[in-house]
Protein backbone atom coordinates (compact mmCIF):
# COMPACT_ATOMS: atom_id res chain seq x y z
CA MET A 1 0.20 5.72 0.56
CA TYR A 2 1.40 4.15 -2.71
CA GLY A 3 4.33 2.54 -0.86
CA ASN A 4 2.59 -0.20 0.50
CA MET A 5 0.58 -1.07 -2.95
CA SER A 6 1.99 -4.12 -5.37
CA PRO A 7 2.87 -3.21 -8.53
CA SER A 8 0.13 -4.68 -10.38
CA ARG A 9 -2.19 -2.53 -8.29
CA LEU A 10 -0.30 0.63 -9.13
CA LEU A 11 -1.06 0.02 -12.46
CA ARG A 12 -4.36 -0.22 -11.86
CA TYR A 13 -4.69 2.58 -9.84
CA PHE A 14 -2.80 5.39 -12.27
CA ALA A 15 -3.47 3.68 -15.67
CA PRO A 16 -6.50 1.52 -15.90
CA ILE A 17 -5.45 0.96 -19.92
CA THR A 18 -2.44 -1.48 -19.52
CA THR A 19 -1.69 -4.02 -22.59
CA VAL A 20 0.98 -6.74 -22.31
CA GLU A 21 3.28 -6.91 -25.84
CA ASP A 22 5.07 -9.63 -27.44
CA LEU A 23 7.96 -8.34 -27.47
CA SER A 24 10.60 -11.10 -26.84
CA SER A 25 11.83 -11.08 -30.31
CA PHE A 26 13.84 -7.86 -29.17
CA PHE A 27 14.95 -9.81 -26.93
CA LYS A 28 16.58 -12.52 -28.57
CA GLY A 29 16.22 -15.36 -26.10
CA LEU A 30 17.23 -13.40 -23.16
CA LEU A 31 15.06 -13.27 -20.12
CA GLY A 32 13.78 -9.62 -19.20
CA LYS A 33 11.09 -7.53 -18.61
CA ILE A 34 10.05 -3.80 -19.85
CA GLY A 35 7.28 -2.08 -19.12
CA LEU A 36 6.50 1.92 -21.20
CA TYR A 37 4.43 4.02 -19.97
CA ASN A 38 2.92 6.91 -22.54
CA SER A 39 1.37 9.80 -20.98
CA SER A 40 -0.51 11.10 -23.64
CA ASN A 41 -3.18 8.33 -23.73
CA LYS A 42 -2.34 7.25 -20.02
CA GLN A 43 -1.51 3.50 -21.00
CA TYR A 44 1.06 0.81 -19.80
CA GLN A 45 2.62 -1.81 -22.32
CA ILE A 46 4.00 -4.19 -20.90
CA TYR A 47 6.92 -7.17 -21.40
CA ASN A 48 6.78 -10.43 -19.70
CA ARG A 49 3.91 -9.35 -17.20
CA GLU A 50 4.89 -11.92 -14.34
CA MET A 51 8.36 -11.03 -14.26
CA SER A 52 7.22 -7.08 -14.50
CA GLU A 53 5.31 -7.48 -11.34
CA GLN A 54 7.98 -8.75 -8.76
CA ARG A 55 9.37 -6.31 -6.39
CA ILE A 56 13.14 -5.87 -7.04
CA SER A 57 15.98 -3.64 -6.21
CA PRO A 58 17.09 -1.40 -9.40
CA ASN A 59 20.85 -1.18 -8.42
CA SER A 60 22.29 -0.30 -11.26
CA THR A 61 19.59 -0.20 -13.95
CA PHE A 62 18.66 2.82 -11.84
CA LYS A 63 21.41 4.96 -12.91
CA ILE A 64 20.11 4.89 -16.67
CA PHE A 65 17.13 6.86 -15.55
CA SER A 66 19.53 9.59 -13.07
CA ALA A 67 21.63 9.71 -15.63
CA LEU A 68 18.28 10.51 -18.59
CA PHE A 69 16.67 12.80 -15.93
CA ALA A 70 20.07 14.25 -15.39
CA LEU A 71 20.85 15.17 -19.33
CA GLY A 72 17.49 16.37 -19.81
CA SER A 73 17.46 18.86 -17.29
CA ASN A 74 20.80 20.23 -18.07
CA VAL A 75 22.31 19.06 -14.95
CA ILE A 76 25.12 17.60 -16.79
CA SER A 77 26.50 17.59 -20.07
CA THR A 78 26.92 15.29 -22.96
CA TYR A 79 30.05 17.50 -24.19
CA ASN A 80 31.82 17.92 -20.47
CA ASN A 81 30.94 16.27 -17.57
CA GLU A 82 33.22 15.07 -14.77
CA GLN A 83 32.01 13.33 -11.66
CA VAL A 84 34.45 13.58 -8.39
CA TRP A 85 34.33 10.07 -6.61
CA ASP A 86 35.88 9.70 -3.23
């Protein structure tokens, strides 16, 4: 159902409150984008809205989310974790 929705439409559908923030000082001249979601007040904070609405493959950036999710759900440990790769 949601797979065909554009990112901007998804934002409007799930969180009617969206603020665009000027976070350029954190990027120090680098081109980038970020979207943060506050689940307690159902609000998105977005830096670089135009770039945030472009569809791109997450590639390696998705590994960050996967690692954080695995740590948070105790699938992996920060102390001793070895992943076998072929």
